Protein backbone atom coordinates (compact mmCIF):
# COMPACT_ATOMS: atom_id res chain seq x y z
CA MET A 1 28.68 -47.28 -67.45
CA THR A 2 26.31 -49.69 -65.91
CA ASP A 3 24.02 -52.08 -67.91
CA GLN A 4 20.98 -49.95 -67.13
CA GLN A 5 20.40 -47.09 -69.37
CA GLU A 6 19.21 -43.83 -68.07
CA PRO A 7 15.34 -42.70 -68.35
CA HIS A 8 14.96 -40.88 -71.47
CA PHE A 9 13.83 -37.36 -70.89
CA THR A 10 11.20 -35.89 -73.46
CA PRO A 11 10.97 -32.29 -73.38
CA PRO A 12 7.30 -30.76 -73.13
CA THR A 13 6.18 -29.95 -76.36
CA LEU A 14 4.60 -26.29 -76.94
CA ALA A 15 1.20 -27.51 -76.41
CA ASP A 16 2.32 -28.92 -73.30
CA LEU A 17 4.06 -25.63 -72.27
CA SER A 18 0.89 -23.63 -73.67
CA GLN A 19 -1.70 -25.61 -71.37
CA ARG A 20 0.65 -25.31 -68.27
CA ALA A 21 0.68 -21.57 -68.75
CA THR A 22 -2.98 -21.44 -69.47
CA MET A 23 -3.87 -23.45 -66.43
CA LEU A 24 -1.25 -21.75 -63.71
CA ASN A 25 -2.41 -18.28 -65.12
CA LEU A 26 -6.17 -19.02 -64.80
CA MET A 27 -5.55 -20.36 -61.29
CA ALA A 28 -3.32 -17.44 -59.95
CA GLY A 29 -5.71 -15.11 -61.12
CA ARG A 30 -8.66 -16.96 -59.40
CA PHE A 31 -6.75 -17.80 -56.20
CA LYS A 32 -5.57 -14.26 -56.07
CA GLU A 33 -9.21 -13.13 -55.96
CA LEU A 34 -10.26 -16.06 -53.52
CA ALA A 35 -7.34 -15.17 -51.32
CA ALA A 36 -8.64 -11.27 -50.97
CA VAL A 37 -11.99 -12.18 -50.34
CA ALA A 38 -11.19 -14.98 -47.61
CA THR A 39 -8.62 -12.67 -46.02
CA THR A 40 -11.34 -9.81 -45.91
CA ASP A 41 -13.51 -12.09 -44.18
CA PHE A 42 -10.98 -13.57 -41.77
CA LYS A 43 -9.70 -9.94 -41.17
CA ALA A 44 -13.27 -8.92 -40.14
CA ALA A 45 -13.78 -11.92 -37.73
CA ALA A 46 -10.15 -11.82 -36.22
CA LEU A 47 -10.82 -8.23 -35.35
CA LYS A 48 -14.39 -8.45 -34.03
CA GLN A 49 -13.47 -11.35 -31.79
CA TYR A 50 -10.50 -9.33 -30.54
CA GLU A 51 -12.70 -6.23 -29.68
CA ALA A 52 -15.37 -8.77 -27.92
CA GLU A 53 -12.55 -11.21 -26.19
CA GLY A 54 -9.25 -9.66 -26.83
CA VAL A 55 -7.99 -12.51 -28.68
CA LYS A 56 -4.72 -10.96 -30.23
CA SER A 57 -3.63 -14.22 -32.59
CA VAL A 58 -4.92 -17.02 -34.28
CA THR A 59 -2.68 -19.97 -35.13
CA THR A 60 -3.60 -22.10 -38.24
CA LYS A 61 -2.57 -25.82 -38.37
CA ILE A 62 -2.89 -27.44 -41.65
CA GLY A 63 -2.33 -31.46 -41.55
CA GLY A 64 -1.79 -31.20 -37.99
CA GLU A 65 1.57 -29.09 -37.95
CA LYS A 66 1.14 -25.18 -36.96
CA VAL A 67 2.18 -23.15 -40.21
CA ILE A 68 1.22 -19.65 -39.56
CA THR A 69 0.09 -17.32 -36.65
CA TRP A 70 -2.00 -14.34 -37.65
CA THR A 71 -1.81 -11.48 -35.09
CA VAL A 72 -3.78 -8.35 -34.42
CA LYS A 73 -1.45 -5.18 -35.11
CA GLU A 74 -2.43 -3.00 -32.19
CA PRO A 75 -1.39 0.64 -31.71
CA LYS A 76 1.81 1.14 -30.12
CA ALA A 77 0.34 3.49 -27.56
CA SER A 78 -3.46 3.73 -26.35
CA GLY A 79 -3.47 7.25 -27.26
CA THR A 80 -1.46 10.51 -28.03
CA VAL A 81 -1.35 13.90 -25.78
CA VAL A 82 -1.76 16.83 -28.31
CA VAL A 83 -1.77 20.47 -27.83
CA ALA A 84 -5.89 21.53 -27.87
CA ASP A 85 -5.74 24.67 -27.14
CA ARG A 86 -2.30 26.80 -27.56
CA SER A 87 -3.53 29.95 -25.88
CA ALA A 88 -4.20 28.04 -22.64
CA LEU A 89 -0.69 25.98 -22.44
CA THR A 90 0.93 29.18 -23.05
CA ASP A 91 -0.54 31.36 -20.73
CA TRP A 92 0.10 28.22 -18.09
CA VAL A 93 3.59 28.13 -19.28
CA HIS A 94 4.12 31.79 -18.92
CA VAL A 95 2.94 31.53 -15.30
CA ASN A 96 4.46 28.69 -13.93
CA HIS A 97 7.75 28.51 -16.08
CA PRO A 98 8.53 32.15 -17.40
CA GLU A 99 12.03 30.77 -18.11
CA HIS A 100 10.61 28.84 -20.87
CA ALA A 101 8.31 31.36 -22.21
CA GLY A 102 9.19 33.42 -25.47
CA TRP A 103 8.02 37.04 -26.42
CA GLU A 104 4.53 37.60 -26.52
CA ALA A 105 4.07 34.64 -24.12
CA THR A 106 5.27 31.79 -26.66
CA ILE A 107 6.34 28.50 -25.60
CA ILE A 108 9.83 27.64 -26.90
CA GLY A 109 9.75 24.49 -28.78
CA ALA A 110 11.95 22.44 -26.87
CA PHE A 111 10.07 22.88 -23.70
CA GLU A 112 6.89 22.17 -25.45
CA THR A 113 8.07 19.15 -26.66
CA VAL A 114 9.70 17.89 -23.27
CA LEU A 115 6.12 19.07 -21.67
CA LEU A 116 4.26 16.72 -23.87
CA GLY A 117 6.56 13.82 -23.17
CA LEU A 118 6.22 14.32 -19.40
CA ALA A 119 2.19 14.56 -19.99
CA VAL A 120 -0.21 11.54 -19.15
CA PHE A 121 -3.67 11.02 -19.52
CA ASP A 122 -5.23 10.55 -15.82
CA LYS A 123 -8.16 8.11 -16.46
CA GLU A 124 -10.16 9.04 -13.14
CA SER A 125 -10.17 12.84 -14.10
CA GLY A 126 -10.45 12.76 -17.49
CA THR A 127 -7.58 15.59 -18.01
CA VAL A 128 -3.92 15.57 -19.05
CA VAL A 129 -1.51 16.11 -15.94
CA HIS A 130 2.10 16.12 -15.45
CA ARG A 131 3.46 12.49 -14.90
CA ASP A 132 5.56 13.32 -11.81
CA THR A 133 3.64 16.23 -10.17
CA GLY A 134 0.10 14.98 -10.99
CA GLU A 135 -0.62 18.81 -11.97
CA VAL A 136 -3.45 19.30 -14.51
CA LEU A 137 -1.90 20.62 -18.08
CA PRO A 138 -4.28 23.35 -19.14
CA GLY A 139 -4.55 23.14 -23.28
CA LEU A 140 -3.66 19.85 -23.45
CA ALA A 141 -6.04 16.86 -24.70
CA TRP A 142 -5.85 12.99 -24.90
CA THR A 143 -6.53 11.52 -28.55
CA PRO A 144 -7.36 7.91 -28.08
CA SER A 145 -5.83 5.74 -30.59
CA PRO A 146 -8.03 4.21 -33.21
CA PRO A 147 -9.13 0.24 -32.67
CA PRO A 148 -6.78 -1.81 -34.43
CA SER A 149 -7.69 -2.50 -38.22
CA SER A 150 -5.29 -4.79 -39.50
CA ILE A 151 -3.81 -8.35 -38.73
CA ALA A 152 -0.32 -9.37 -39.81
CA PRO A 153 0.67 -13.12 -40.98
CA SER A 154 3.69 -14.93 -39.45
CA TRP A 155 4.84 -18.26 -41.08
CA THR A 156 6.77 -20.47 -39.10
CA LYS A 157 10.42 -21.64 -40.49
CA ASP A 158 8.80 -24.32 -42.92
CA GLY A 159 5.39 -23.18 -42.80
CA ARG A 160 5.04 -22.27 -46.47
CA GLU A 161 6.88 -25.44 -47.66
CA GLN A 162 4.65 -27.66 -45.21
CA VAL A 163 1.45 -26.18 -47.14
CA MET A 164 2.90 -26.79 -50.41
CA GLU A 165 3.96 -30.29 -49.81
CA HIS A 166 0.31 -30.91 -48.84
CA LEU A 167 -0.72 -29.26 -51.83
CA ARG A 168 1.36 -31.34 -53.77
CA THR A 169 0.35 -34.73 -52.18
CA GLY A 170 -3.24 -33.93 -52.30
CA ALA A 171 -3.54 -33.95 -48.41
CA ILE A 172 -5.33 -30.92 -48.36
CA ALA A 173 -7.28 -31.50 -51.36
CA GLU A 174 -10.63 -31.55 -48.87
CA LEU A 175 -9.86 -28.27 -47.19
CA MET A 176 -9.43 -26.79 -51.04
CA ALA A 177 -12.67 -28.36 -51.92
CA THR A 178 -14.23 -26.61 -48.78
CA ALA A 179 -12.66 -23.55 -49.39
CA LEU A 180 -13.90 -23.24 -53.12
CA GLN A 181 -17.60 -24.15 -52.08
CA LEU A 182 -17.55 -21.70 -49.19
CA GLU A 183 -16.62 -19.47 -52.38
CA GLN A 184 -19.34 -20.72 -54.37
CA GLY A 185 -21.93 -20.30 -51.43
CA GLU A 186 -22.23 -24.00 -50.83
CA GLY A 187 -20.91 -24.10 -47.59
């Protein structure tokens, strides 16, 4: 044993624990509300900028360090080919591919799936065509994908820890004060 004694640890009192729980619960609830409003405002601004300028992502730096990147979630495809007029499509298949037409001029399901996979939208003519032959495919229509409506956060490896460290040290106190002022309409 050394001559120095270990510091004495005094466990928190019930009053200390109560104060801590009260403050953290109040802050958690309030910050959850503030985060929802801030995220909605940011999402609207980011989607507006995406629509106007094509900006797909925004990187956030706190304390000069990159901590998170927000990215607009774009549709996987620019649109979809759908059967808009089954009768017209069935008639076309019956005439051009009778081997794939069933009784009463119905299209065999597997062929319809293959045909939809080969169909593309021709911007010049505004029609749906066979991607290999360019032939217009009657009864099929192009349904454009809706514009993006969400953004997704992607934290850097240590981003969360960096933000928490800045909170613990008070390094982003000014940023927090500004965020709270904006929430109160003072900014």
